[in-house]
Amino acid sequence: MVVSFSIPAFTALLKLNSLKLGFNPTLVVSDVGSDPITLSGLLEAFAKQGGAKVNGSQLINGMISDGYLPSLGSASNSWIALFKKIRDQYDAKAPFDGNVLYGEAVGYTFVQAMLKAGRNPTRADLVTAIQNGIPQGPAIAPYSYSSSDHMGITGAYMGVIQNGQLVQQGPVLTTDASASGAISTYSGSEQQAPASGIPSP
């Protein structure tokens, strides 16, 4: 097993060079470095540069990763449906991958914070609004913000990439910013995307 905290390009190079060496460990890669769509494309492009043809999707089957947003493979998830609809309407040429999902989730969360900060907010108003807590929104676990805690999303799930999708394995696990950092199973439920797609203040 090899654990890698890498961006997708370096994850792809790690995988291709491991194959060249005949070394095929199970890879455990952080969420950002294991986006299946991005990673598959990079594997195919890098292999082609070296004169080889590979199926990037097959090469990443079995890779272990984490997820803090709903999986793109969850077509029935209200957030995935909303964000795909937005992508289709405003940027249909972009692949609906983890980068787009992350960008839309950040945008949604920023709007939540701006609405909470009120009309004509100052920077201080925005910081205060966030430190007083923002709704969970598209994250799979609650946010943790205060004047002394800027942790952000408090949890994630582990998953395995299968057929180009991250498939959740087990529950969402949460922790906190304390010294003990106890890990517990999240007992709350995922929030649904608003039908309008617009956060409420």
N, C-alpha and C. Protein backbone atom coordinates (compact mmCIF):
# COMPACT_ATOMS: atom_id res chain seq x y z
N MET A 1 0.84 -1.17 0.00
CA MET A 1 0.00 0.00 0.00
C MET A 1 0.89 1.23 0.00
N VAL A 2 0.51 2.22 -0.81
CA VAL A 2 1.21 3.50 -0.84
C VAL A 2 0.19 4.59 -0.60
N VAL A 3 0.47 5.48 0.34
CA VAL A 3 -0.40 6.61 0.65
C VAL A 3 0.21 7.85 0.03
N SER A 4 -0.59 8.58 -0.73
CA SER A 4 -0.08 9.75 -1.45
C SER A 4 -1.00 10.95 -1.27
N PHE A 5 -0.43 12.05 -0.81
CA PHE A 5 -1.15 13.32 -0.75
C PHE A 5 -0.63 14.13 -1.93
N SER A 6 -1.23 13.90 -3.09
CA SER A 6 -0.71 14.48 -4.33
C SER A 6 -1.83 15.09 -5.15
N ILE A 7 -1.45 16.01 -6.05
CA ILE A 7 -2.41 16.52 -7.02
C ILE A 7 -2.53 15.49 -8.14
N PRO A 8 -3.59 15.55 -8.96
CA PRO A 8 -3.82 14.50 -9.96
C PRO A 8 -2.65 14.21 -10.89
N ALA A 9 -1.93 15.23 -11.34
CA ALA A 9 -0.81 14.98 -12.26
C ALA A 9 0.24 14.07 -11.63
N PHE A 10 0.55 14.30 -10.36
CA PHE A 10 1.56 13.49 -9.69
C PHE A 10 1.02 12.12 -9.30
N THR A 11 -0.30 12.04 -9.05
CA THR A 11 -0.91 10.73 -8.82
C THR A 11 -0.80 9.89 -10.08
N ALA A 12 -1.05 10.50 -11.24
CA ALA A 12 -0.96 9.79 -12.52
C ALA A 12 0.47 9.32 -12.78
N LEU A 13 1.44 10.20 -12.53
CA LEU A 13 2.85 9.82 -12.73
C LEU A 13 3.26 8.71 -11.78
N LEU A 14 2.78 8.76 -10.53
CA LEU A 14 3.06 7.69 -9.58
C LEU A 14 2.53 6.37 -10.10
N LYS A 15 1.30 6.36 -10.58
CA LYS A 15 0.68 5.13 -11.06
C LYS A 15 1.42 4.59 -12.29
N LEU A 16 1.70 5.45 -13.25
CA LEU A 16 2.37 4.99 -14.48
C LEU A 16 3.78 4.48 -14.20
N ASN A 17 4.52 5.18 -13.35
CA ASN A 17 5.88 4.73 -13.04
C ASN A 17 5.88 3.45 -12.21
N SER A 18 4.86 3.28 -11.35
CA SER A 18 4.73 2.02 -10.60
C SER A 18 4.51 0.86 -11.56
N LEU A 19 3.66 1.09 -12.58
CA LEU A 19 3.40 0.04 -13.57
C LEU A 19 4.67 -0.31 -14.35
N LYS A 20 5.46 0.69 -14.71
CA LYS A 20 6.71 0.45 -15.43
C LYS A 20 7.65 -0.43 -14.62
N LEU A 21 7.60 -0.25 -13.28
CA LEU A 21 8.48 -1.02 -12.40
C LEU A 21 7.89 -2.39 -12.03
N GLY A 22 6.67 -2.66 -12.48
CA GLY A 22 6.00 -3.90 -12.11
C GLY A 22 5.56 -3.90 -10.65
N PHE A 23 5.39 -2.73 -10.10
CA PHE A 23 5.00 -2.56 -8.70
C PHE A 23 3.56 -2.05 -8.69
N ASN A 24 2.64 -2.84 -8.14
CA ASN A 24 1.23 -2.48 -8.22
C ASN A 24 0.57 -2.49 -6.84
N PRO A 25 0.98 -1.54 -5.98
CA PRO A 25 0.38 -1.50 -4.64
C PRO A 25 -1.03 -0.90 -4.70
N THR A 26 -1.79 -1.09 -3.64
CA THR A 26 -3.05 -0.37 -3.50
C THR A 26 -2.68 1.07 -3.18
N LEU A 27 -3.25 2.01 -3.94
CA LEU A 27 -2.99 3.42 -3.69
C LEU A 27 -4.09 4.02 -2.83
N VAL A 28 -3.69 4.77 -1.82
CA VAL A 28 -4.60 5.54 -1.00
C VAL A 28 -4.23 7.00 -1.27
N VAL A 29 -5.16 7.73 -1.90
CA VAL A 29 -4.84 9.07 -2.38
C VAL A 29 -5.88 10.05 -1.84
N SER A 30 -5.42 11.23 -1.43
CA SER A 30 -6.34 12.25 -0.92
C SER A 30 -7.36 12.63 -2.00
N ASP A 31 -8.49 13.15 -1.54
CA ASP A 31 -9.61 13.49 -2.44
C ASP A 31 -9.16 14.32 -3.64
N VAL A 32 -8.39 15.36 -3.40
CA VAL A 32 -8.01 16.25 -4.49
C VAL A 32 -7.15 15.54 -5.55
N GLY A 33 -6.38 14.57 -5.16
CA GLY A 33 -5.48 13.89 -6.09
C GLY A 33 -6.06 12.67 -6.76
N SER A 34 -7.33 12.35 -6.43
CA SER A 34 -7.90 11.12 -6.97
C SER A 34 -9.19 11.33 -7.74
N ASP A 35 -9.47 12.56 -8.16
CA ASP A 35 -10.69 12.79 -8.93
C ASP A 35 -10.70 11.85 -10.14
N PRO A 36 -11.65 10.91 -10.21
CA PRO A 36 -11.61 9.89 -11.25
C PRO A 36 -11.57 10.42 -12.68
N ILE A 37 -12.34 11.45 -12.99
CA ILE A 37 -12.39 11.96 -14.36
C ILE A 37 -11.08 12.63 -14.72
N THR A 38 -10.59 13.50 -13.85
CA THR A 38 -9.32 14.19 -14.10
C THR A 38 -8.18 13.19 -14.18
N LEU A 39 -8.12 12.28 -13.22
CA LEU A 39 -7.03 11.32 -13.14
C LEU A 39 -7.01 10.37 -14.34
N SER A 40 -8.18 9.89 -14.75
CA SER A 40 -8.25 9.01 -15.93
C SER A 40 -7.71 9.70 -17.17
N GLY A 41 -8.14 10.95 -17.36
CA GLY A 41 -7.67 11.71 -18.52
C GLY A 41 -6.17 11.94 -18.51
N LEU A 42 -5.62 12.26 -17.34
CA LEU A 42 -4.18 12.47 -17.23
C LEU A 42 -3.41 11.18 -17.48
N LEU A 43 -3.88 10.07 -16.95
CA LEU A 43 -3.21 8.78 -17.19
C LEU A 43 -3.14 8.48 -18.68
N GLU A 44 -4.26 8.69 -19.37
CA GLU A 44 -4.30 8.42 -20.81
C GLU A 44 -3.39 9.37 -21.58
N ALA A 45 -3.41 10.66 -21.21
CA ALA A 45 -2.57 11.65 -21.91
C ALA A 45 -1.08 11.40 -21.67
N PHE A 46 -0.69 11.13 -20.43
CA PHE A 46 0.72 10.88 -20.13
C PHE A 46 1.21 9.59 -20.80
N ALA A 47 0.37 8.55 -20.78
CA ALA A 47 0.76 7.29 -21.42
C ALA A 47 0.94 7.49 -22.92
N LYS A 48 0.05 8.27 -23.51
CA LYS A 48 0.13 8.54 -24.96
C LYS A 48 1.43 9.25 -25.32
N GLN A 49 1.85 10.19 -24.46
CA GLN A 49 3.13 10.89 -24.69
C GLN A 49 4.29 9.91 -24.72
N GLY A 50 4.17 8.83 -23.96
CA GLY A 50 5.22 7.81 -23.92
C GLY A 50 5.02 6.71 -24.95
N GLY A 51 4.01 6.88 -25.82
CA GLY A 51 3.77 5.91 -26.88
C GLY A 51 2.90 4.73 -26.47
N ALA A 52 2.25 4.82 -25.34
CA ALA A 52 1.39 3.72 -24.87
C ALA A 52 -0.07 4.15 -24.88
N LYS A 53 -0.94 3.16 -24.92
CA LYS A 53 -2.37 3.43 -24.84
C LYS A 53 -2.91 2.67 -23.63
N VAL A 54 -3.58 3.41 -22.74
CA VAL A 54 -4.13 2.79 -21.53
C VAL A 54 -5.59 3.22 -21.35
N ASN A 55 -6.30 2.46 -20.57
CA ASN A 55 -7.64 2.85 -20.16
C ASN A 55 -7.51 3.41 -18.74
N GLY A 56 -7.53 4.74 -18.66
CA GLY A 56 -7.31 5.40 -17.38
C GLY A 56 -8.30 4.99 -16.31
N SER A 57 -9.54 4.78 -16.71
CA SER A 57 -10.59 4.39 -15.75
C SER A 57 -10.28 3.04 -15.12
N GLN A 58 -9.78 2.11 -15.93
CA GLN A 58 -9.44 0.79 -15.40
C GLN A 58 -8.22 0.84 -14.48
N LEU A 59 -7.28 1.71 -14.82
CA LEU A 59 -6.06 1.79 -14.01
C LEU A 59 -6.30 2.29 -12.59
N ILE A 60 -7.38 3.04 -12.38
CA ILE A 60 -7.62 3.57 -11.04
C ILE A 60 -8.64 2.76 -10.25
N ASN A 61 -9.20 1.70 -10.85
CA ASN A 61 -10.11 0.85 -10.09
C ASN A 61 -9.41 0.33 -8.84
N GLY A 62 -10.08 0.42 -7.71
CA GLY A 62 -9.52 -0.07 -6.44
C GLY A 62 -8.77 0.97 -5.65
N MET A 63 -8.55 2.16 -6.24
CA MET A 63 -7.87 3.22 -5.50
C MET A 63 -8.77 3.66 -4.35
N ILE A 64 -8.18 3.86 -3.19
CA ILE A 64 -8.93 4.28 -2.00
C ILE A 64 -8.76 5.79 -1.83
N SER A 65 -9.86 6.46 -1.49
CA SER A 65 -9.81 7.90 -1.29
C SER A 65 -10.86 8.30 -0.26
N ASP A 66 -10.98 9.60 -0.05
CA ASP A 66 -11.98 10.13 0.86
C ASP A 66 -12.88 11.10 0.09
N GLY A 67 -14.04 11.38 0.65
CA GLY A 67 -14.96 12.33 0.05
C GLY A 67 -15.62 13.18 1.11
N TYR A 68 -15.69 14.47 0.87
CA TYR A 68 -16.36 15.39 1.80
C TYR A 68 -17.54 16.08 1.14
N LEU A 69 -17.76 15.77 -0.15
CA LEU A 69 -18.95 16.19 -0.89
C LEU A 69 -19.60 14.93 -1.43
N PRO A 70 -20.86 15.01 -1.86
CA PRO A 70 -21.48 13.81 -2.44
C PRO A 70 -20.66 13.32 -3.65
N SER A 71 -20.66 12.03 -3.88
CA SER A 71 -19.93 11.47 -5.01
C SER A 71 -20.63 11.84 -6.31
N LEU A 72 -19.84 12.15 -7.33
CA LEU A 72 -20.41 12.45 -8.65
C LEU A 72 -21.24 11.28 -9.19
N GLY A 73 -20.98 10.08 -8.69
CA GLY A 73 -21.73 8.90 -9.12
C GLY A 73 -23.12 8.83 -8.52
N SER A 74 -23.43 9.73 -7.57
CA SER A 74 -24.75 9.73 -6.92
C SER A 74 -25.71 10.62 -7.70
N ALA A 75 -26.14 10.14 -8.86
CA ALA A 75 -26.98 10.96 -9.75
C ALA A 75 -28.28 11.40 -9.10
N SER A 76 -28.78 10.63 -8.13
CA SER A 76 -30.04 10.98 -7.47
C SER A 76 -29.84 11.97 -6.33
N ASN A 77 -28.60 12.29 -5.96
CA ASN A 77 -28.34 13.23 -4.90
C ASN A 77 -28.75 14.63 -5.35
N SER A 78 -29.47 15.36 -4.50
CA SER A 78 -30.01 16.67 -4.89
C SER A 78 -28.92 17.68 -5.21
N TRP A 79 -27.78 17.61 -4.53
CA TRP A 79 -26.68 18.55 -4.80
C TRP A 79 -26.01 18.23 -6.14
N ILE A 80 -25.81 16.95 -6.42
CA ILE A 80 -25.22 16.57 -7.69
C ILE A 80 -26.14 17.00 -8.84
N ALA A 81 -27.45 16.76 -8.68
CA ALA A 81 -28.41 17.17 -9.71
C ALA A 81 -28.38 18.69 -9.91
N LEU A 82 -28.36 19.45 -8.82
CA LEU A 82 -28.33 20.92 -8.91
C LEU A 82 -27.06 21.40 -9.59
N PHE A 83 -25.92 20.91 -9.13
CA PHE A 83 -24.65 21.40 -9.68
C PHE A 83 -24.46 20.97 -11.14
N LYS A 84 -24.97 19.80 -11.50
CA LYS A 84 -24.90 19.38 -12.90
C LYS A 84 -25.78 20.27 -13.77
N LYS A 85 -26.95 20.62 -13.26
CA LYS A 85 -27.86 21.51 -13.99
C LYS A 85 -27.19 22.88 -14.22
N ILE A 86 -26.53 23.40 -13.19
CA ILE A 86 -25.83 24.69 -13.32
C ILE A 86 -24.69 24.57 -14.34
N ARG A 87 -23.90 23.51 -14.23
CA ARG A 87 -22.81 23.30 -15.19
C ARG A 87 -23.35 23.20 -16.61
N ASP A 88 -24.43 22.41 -16.79
CA ASP A 88 -25.01 22.24 -18.12
C ASP A 88 -25.50 23.56 -18.70
N GLN A 89 -26.03 24.42 -17.86
CA GLN A 89 -26.59 25.68 -18.33
C GLN A 89 -25.51 26.73 -18.61
N TYR A 90 -24.47 26.79 -17.77
CA TYR A 90 -23.52 27.89 -17.86
C TYR A 90 -22.13 27.51 -18.38
N ASP A 91 -21.77 26.24 -18.35
CA ASP A 91 -20.43 25.85 -18.78
C ASP A 91 -20.43 24.41 -19.29
N ALA A 92 -21.30 24.13 -20.23
CA ALA A 92 -21.52 22.76 -20.70
C ALA A 92 -20.26 22.10 -21.27
N LYS A 93 -19.29 22.89 -21.69
CA LYS A 93 -18.08 22.30 -22.28
C LYS A 93 -17.12 21.75 -21.21
N ALA A 94 -17.29 22.22 -19.98
CA ALA A 94 -16.40 21.73 -18.90
C ALA A 94 -16.83 20.33 -18.49
N PRO A 95 -15.86 19.45 -18.22
CA PRO A 95 -16.25 18.12 -17.74
C PRO A 95 -16.88 18.25 -16.35
N PHE A 96 -17.91 17.47 -16.09
CA PHE A 96 -18.52 17.52 -14.75
C PHE A 96 -17.69 16.60 -13.86
N ASP A 97 -16.59 17.17 -13.35
CA ASP A 97 -15.65 16.41 -12.55
C ASP A 97 -15.57 16.98 -11.13
N GLY A 98 -14.66 16.46 -10.35
CA GLY A 98 -14.51 16.90 -8.97
C GLY A 98 -14.11 18.35 -8.84
N ASN A 99 -13.39 18.87 -9.85
CA ASN A 99 -12.99 20.27 -9.80
C ASN A 99 -14.20 21.19 -9.94
N VAL A 100 -15.10 20.86 -10.87
CA VAL A 100 -16.32 21.64 -11.06
C VAL A 100 -17.21 21.51 -9.83
N LEU A 101 -17.36 20.29 -9.32
CA LEU A 101 -18.18 20.07 -8.13
C LEU A 101 -17.65 20.90 -6.96
N TYR A 102 -16.36 20.85 -6.73
CA TYR A 102 -15.75 21.62 -5.64
C TYR A 102 -15.98 23.11 -5.83
N GLY A 103 -15.74 23.60 -7.04
CA GLY A 103 -15.93 25.03 -7.32
C GLY A 103 -17.35 25.49 -7.07
N GLU A 104 -18.31 24.68 -7.49
CA GLU A 104 -19.71 25.05 -7.28
C GLU A 104 -20.07 24.99 -5.79
N ALA A 105 -19.54 24.00 -5.07
CA ALA A 105 -19.80 23.91 -3.63
C ALA A 105 -19.21 25.11 -2.89
N VAL A 106 -18.01 25.52 -3.26
CA VAL A 106 -17.39 26.70 -2.64
C VAL A 106 -18.22 27.94 -2.95
N GLY A 107 -18.64 28.07 -4.21
CA GLY A 107 -19.46 29.22 -4.59
C GLY A 107 -20.76 29.27 -3.80
N TYR A 108 -21.41 28.13 -3.66
CA TYR A 108 -22.67 28.05 -2.91
C TYR A 108 -22.44 28.47 -1.45
N THR A 109 -21.37 27.95 -0.86
CA THR A 109 -21.06 28.25 0.54
C THR A 109 -20.73 29.73 0.72
N PHE A 110 -20.04 30.31 -0.26
CA PHE A 110 -19.71 31.74 -0.19
C PHE A 110 -20.98 32.58 -0.23
N VAL A 111 -21.93 32.20 -1.08
CA VAL A 111 -23.21 32.93 -1.14
C VAL A 111 -23.94 32.80 0.20
N GLN A 112 -23.91 31.60 0.80
CA GLN A 112 -24.52 31.45 2.13
C GLN A 112 -23.92 32.45 3.12
N ALA A 113 -22.60 32.56 3.11
CA ALA A 113 -21.92 33.46 4.04
C ALA A 113 -22.25 34.92 3.73
N MET A 114 -22.28 35.28 2.45
CA MET A 114 -22.59 36.66 2.08
C MET A 114 -24.02 37.03 2.49
N LEU A 115 -24.96 36.12 2.29
CA LEU A 115 -26.34 36.40 2.69
C LEU A 115 -26.43 36.59 4.20
N LYS A 116 -25.68 35.79 4.94
CA LYS A 116 -25.70 35.90 6.39
C LYS A 116 -25.03 37.19 6.86
N ALA A 117 -24.08 37.70 6.08
CA ALA A 117 -23.35 38.92 6.45
C ALA A 117 -24.21 40.17 6.28
N GLY A 118 -25.30 40.07 5.53
CA GLY A 118 -26.21 41.21 5.37
C GLY A 118 -25.88 42.08 4.17
N ARG A 119 -26.70 43.10 3.98
CA ARG A 119 -26.51 44.01 2.85
C ARG A 119 -25.26 44.87 3.05
N ASN A 120 -24.54 45.10 1.95
CA ASN A 120 -23.33 45.94 1.98
C ASN A 120 -22.37 45.55 3.10
N PRO A 121 -22.00 44.27 3.17
CA PRO A 121 -21.14 43.84 4.27
C PRO A 121 -19.71 44.34 4.12
N THR A 122 -19.07 44.54 5.25
CA THR A 122 -17.64 44.81 5.27
C THR A 122 -16.93 43.45 5.38
N ARG A 123 -15.61 43.48 5.28
CA ARG A 123 -14.85 42.25 5.47
C ARG A 123 -15.11 41.71 6.87
N ALA A 124 -15.15 42.61 7.85
CA ALA A 124 -15.39 42.20 9.24
C ALA A 124 -16.77 41.55 9.39
N ASP A 125 -17.78 42.09 8.68
CA ASP A 125 -19.12 41.50 8.73
C ASP A 125 -19.10 40.07 8.19
N LEU A 126 -18.36 39.86 7.11
CA LEU A 126 -18.29 38.53 6.51
C LEU A 126 -17.58 37.55 7.45
N VAL A 127 -16.47 37.98 8.04
CA VAL A 127 -15.74 37.12 8.98
C VAL A 127 -16.64 36.77 10.17
N THR A 128 -17.34 37.76 10.71
CA THR A 128 -18.25 37.51 11.84
C THR A 128 -19.35 36.54 11.47
N ALA A 129 -19.92 36.72 10.28
CA ALA A 129 -20.99 35.82 9.83
C ALA A 129 -20.50 34.38 9.76
N ILE A 130 -19.31 34.18 9.21
CA ILE A 130 -18.77 32.82 9.10
C ILE A 130 -18.45 32.26 10.49
N GLN A 131 -17.85 33.08 11.35
CA GLN A 131 -17.49 32.60 12.69
C GLN A 131 -18.71 32.27 13.54
N ASN A 132 -19.87 32.82 13.19
CA ASN A 132 -21.10 32.50 13.91
C ASN A 132 -21.78 31.26 13.34
N GLY A 133 -21.15 30.65 12.36
CA GLY A 133 -21.64 29.39 11.80
C GLY A 133 -22.41 29.56 10.51
N ILE A 134 -22.14 28.68 9.57
CA ILE A 134 -22.89 28.68 8.31
C ILE A 134 -23.53 27.30 8.13
N PRO A 135 -24.67 27.27 7.44
CA PRO A 135 -25.37 25.99 7.25
C PRO A 135 -24.50 24.96 6.52
N GLN A 136 -24.84 23.72 6.71
CA GLN A 136 -24.06 22.60 6.15
C GLN A 136 -24.01 22.64 4.63
N GLY A 137 -25.11 22.99 3.98
CA GLY A 137 -25.11 23.06 2.52
C GLY A 137 -24.72 21.74 1.87
N PRO A 138 -23.87 21.78 0.84
CA PRO A 138 -23.54 20.56 0.10
C PRO A 138 -22.55 19.62 0.78
N ALA A 139 -21.90 20.07 1.85
CA ALA A 139 -20.94 19.22 2.55
C ALA A 139 -21.65 18.02 3.18
N ILE A 140 -20.95 16.91 3.32
CA ILE A 140 -21.57 15.70 3.88
C ILE A 140 -21.52 15.68 5.41
N ALA A 141 -20.87 16.69 6.00
CA ALA A 141 -20.83 16.85 7.45
C ALA A 141 -20.89 18.34 7.76
N PRO A 142 -21.26 18.71 8.97
CA PRO A 142 -21.37 20.13 9.30
C PRO A 142 -20.03 20.87 9.22
N TYR A 143 -20.13 22.20 9.09
CA TYR A 143 -18.95 23.06 9.16
C TYR A 143 -18.67 23.40 10.61
N SER A 144 -17.40 23.70 10.91
CA SER A 144 -17.02 24.14 12.24
C SER A 144 -16.25 25.44 12.10
N TYR A 145 -16.88 26.53 12.52
CA TYR A 145 -16.24 27.84 12.47
C TYR A 145 -16.57 28.59 13.75
N SER A 146 -15.58 29.28 14.29
CA SER A 146 -15.78 30.19 15.42
C SER A 146 -14.58 31.14 15.38
N SER A 147 -14.51 32.02 16.36
CA SER A 147 -13.37 32.96 16.39
C SER A 147 -12.04 32.24 16.59
N SER A 148 -12.09 31.03 17.18
CA SER A 148 -10.85 30.29 17.43
C SER A 148 -10.74 29.00 16.63
N ASP A 149 -11.74 28.70 15.80
CA ASP A 149 -11.78 27.43 15.07
C ASP A 149 -12.15 27.69 13.61
N HIS A 150 -11.23 27.44 12.72
CA HIS A 150 -11.47 27.62 11.29
C HIS A 150 -11.35 26.27 10.58
N MET A 151 -11.87 25.23 11.22
CA MET A 151 -11.70 23.87 10.73
C MET A 151 -12.38 23.62 9.39
N GLY A 152 -13.53 24.21 9.18
CA GLY A 152 -14.27 23.95 7.94
C GLY A 152 -15.12 22.70 8.06
N ILE A 153 -15.14 21.88 7.02
CA ILE A 153 -15.95 20.66 7.04
C ILE A 153 -15.37 19.70 8.06
N THR A 154 -16.23 19.18 8.92
CA THR A 154 -15.76 18.37 10.06
C THR A 154 -15.62 16.88 9.76
N GLY A 155 -15.98 16.44 8.56
CA GLY A 155 -15.92 15.00 8.33
C GLY A 155 -15.81 14.61 6.88
N ALA A 156 -15.67 13.31 6.70
CA ALA A 156 -15.54 12.73 5.36
C ALA A 156 -15.91 11.25 5.43
N TYR A 157 -16.05 10.65 4.28
CA TYR A 157 -16.23 9.20 4.21
C TYR A 157 -15.07 8.62 3.42
N MET A 158 -14.80 7.37 3.62
CA MET A 158 -13.80 6.67 2.82
C MET A 158 -14.53 6.00 1.66
N GLY A 159 -13.85 5.88 0.55
CA GLY A 159 -14.46 5.26 -0.61
C GLY A 159 -13.43 4.55 -1.46
N VAL A 160 -13.92 3.76 -2.41
CA VAL A 160 -13.07 3.05 -3.36
C VAL A 160 -13.54 3.43 -4.76
N ILE A 161 -12.58 3.73 -5.63
CA ILE A 161 -12.94 4.07 -7.00
C ILE A 161 -13.28 2.78 -7.75
N GLN A 162 -14.49 2.77 -8.30
CA GLN A 162 -14.96 1.63 -9.09
C GLN A 162 -15.64 2.17 -10.34
N ASN A 163 -15.18 1.73 -11.49
CA ASN A 163 -15.76 2.14 -12.77
C ASN A 163 -15.87 3.65 -12.90
N GLY A 164 -14.82 4.35 -12.53
CA GLY A 164 -14.77 5.80 -12.72
C GLY A 164 -15.53 6.62 -11.70
N GLN A 165 -15.98 6.00 -10.61
CA GLN A 165 -16.72 6.73 -9.57
C GLN A 165 -16.19 6.36 -8.20
N LEU A 166 -16.23 7.34 -7.27
CA LEU A 166 -15.88 7.05 -5.89
C LEU A 166 -17.11 6.47 -5.20
N VAL A 167 -17.01 5.23 -4.73
CA VAL A 167 -18.12 4.54 -4.09
C VAL A 167 -17.87 4.54 -2.59
N GLN A 168 -18.80 5.15 -1.85
CA GLN A 168 -18.66 5.27 -0.40
C GLN A 168 -18.61 3.90 0.26
N GLN A 169 -17.67 3.77 1.21
CA GLN A 169 -17.52 2.56 2.00
C GLN A 169 -17.65 2.95 3.46
N GLY A 170 -18.75 2.63 4.08
CA GLY A 170 -18.92 2.95 5.49
C GLY A 170 -19.52 4.32 5.70
N PRO A 171 -19.64 4.70 6.99
CA PRO A 171 -20.32 5.95 7.34
C PRO A 171 -19.44 7.18 7.17
N VAL A 172 -20.06 8.35 7.31
CA VAL A 172 -19.32 9.61 7.39
C VAL A 172 -18.74 9.69 8.79
N LEU A 173 -17.46 9.98 8.87
CA LEU A 173 -16.77 10.10 10.16
C LEU A 173 -16.42 11.56 10.40
N THR A 174 -16.61 12.02 11.64
CA THR A 174 -16.32 13.42 11.96
C THR A 174 -15.30 13.49 13.08
N THR A 175 -14.70 14.68 13.20
CA THR A 175 -13.76 14.94 14.29
C THR A 175 -13.86 16.41 14.64
N ASP A 176 -13.00 16.87 15.53
CA ASP A 176 -12.99 18.28 15.91
C ASP A 176 -11.55 18.75 15.99
N ALA A 177 -11.37 20.00 16.37
CA ALA A 177 -10.03 20.58 16.40
C ALA A 177 -9.37 20.45 17.78
N SER A 178 -9.92 19.61 18.64
CA SER A 178 -9.34 19.45 19.98
C SER A 178 -8.05 18.63 19.91
N ALA A 179 -7.29 18.67 20.97
CA ALA A 179 -6.03 17.93 21.02
C ALA A 179 -6.24 16.43 20.89
N SER A 180 -7.35 15.93 21.44
CA SER A 180 -7.61 14.48 21.36
C SER A 180 -8.13 14.09 19.98
N GLY A 181 -8.82 15.01 19.32
CA GLY A 181 -9.29 14.75 17.95
C GLY A 181 -10.07 13.47 17.80
N ALA A 182 -10.96 13.19 18.74
CA ALA A 182 -11.74 11.95 18.68
C ALA A 182 -12.51 11.86 17.37
N ILE A 183 -12.58 10.65 16.81
CA ILE A 183 -13.31 10.40 15.57
C ILE A 183 -14.59 9.67 15.92
N SER A 184 -15.71 10.15 15.38
CA SER A 184 -16.99 9.51 15.65
C SER A 184 -17.82 9.43 14.38
N THR A 185 -18.78 8.53 14.39
CA THR A 185 -19.69 8.38 13.26
C THR A 185 -20.70 9.52 13.29
N TYR A 186 -20.87 10.18 12.16
CA TYR A 186 -21.81 11.29 12.06
C TYR A 186 -23.22 10.75 12.10
N SER A 187 -24.02 11.27 13.03
CA SER A 187 -25.39 10.77 13.18
C SER A 187 -26.42 11.68 12.53
N GLY A 188 -26.00 12.83 12.03
CA GLY A 188 -26.92 13.74 11.35
C GLY A 188 -27.23 13.27 9.94
N SER A 189 -28.01 14.05 9.25
CA SER A 189 -28.36 13.68 7.88
C SER A 189 -27.88 14.75 6.92
N GLU A 190 -27.66 14.34 5.69
CA GLU A 190 -27.24 15.27 4.66
C GLU A 190 -28.39 16.21 4.33
N GLN A 191 -28.07 17.49 4.18
CA GLN A 191 -29.10 18.45 3.82
C GLN A 191 -29.42 18.35 2.34
N GLN A 192 -30.65 18.67 1.99
CA GLN A 192 -31.07 18.63 0.59
C GLN A 192 -30.84 20.00 -0.05
N ALA A 193 -30.53 19.99 -1.33
CA ALA A 193 -30.36 21.25 -2.06
C ALA A 193 -31.72 21.93 -2.19
N PRO A 194 -31.78 23.25 -2.08
CA PRO A 194 -33.06 23.93 -2.25
C PRO A 194 -33.54 23.78 -3.70
N ALA A 195 -34.82 23.63 -3.88
CA ALA A 195 -35.39 23.45 -5.23
C ALA A 195 -35.01 24.59 -6.16
N SER A 196 -34.93 25.80 -5.61
CA SER A 196 -34.58 26.98 -6.42
C SER A 196 -33.09 27.02 -6.76
N GLY A 197 -32.29 26.28 -5.99
CA GLY A 197 -30.84 26.31 -6.16
C GLY A 197 -30.19 27.48 -5.45
N ILE A 198 -30.99 28.32 -4.80
CA ILE A 198 -30.48 29.53 -4.16
C ILE A 198 -30.52 29.35 -2.65
N PRO A 199 -29.39 29.59 -1.97
CA PRO A 199 -29.41 29.44 -0.51
C PRO A 199 -30.31 30.48 0.14
N SER A 200 -30.81 30.15 1.31
CA SER A 200 -31.60 31.12 2.06
C SER A 200 -30.70 31.80 3.07
N PRO A 201 -31.00 33.06 3.42
CA PRO A 201 -30.13 33.79 4.37
C PRO A 201 -30.21 33.20 5.77
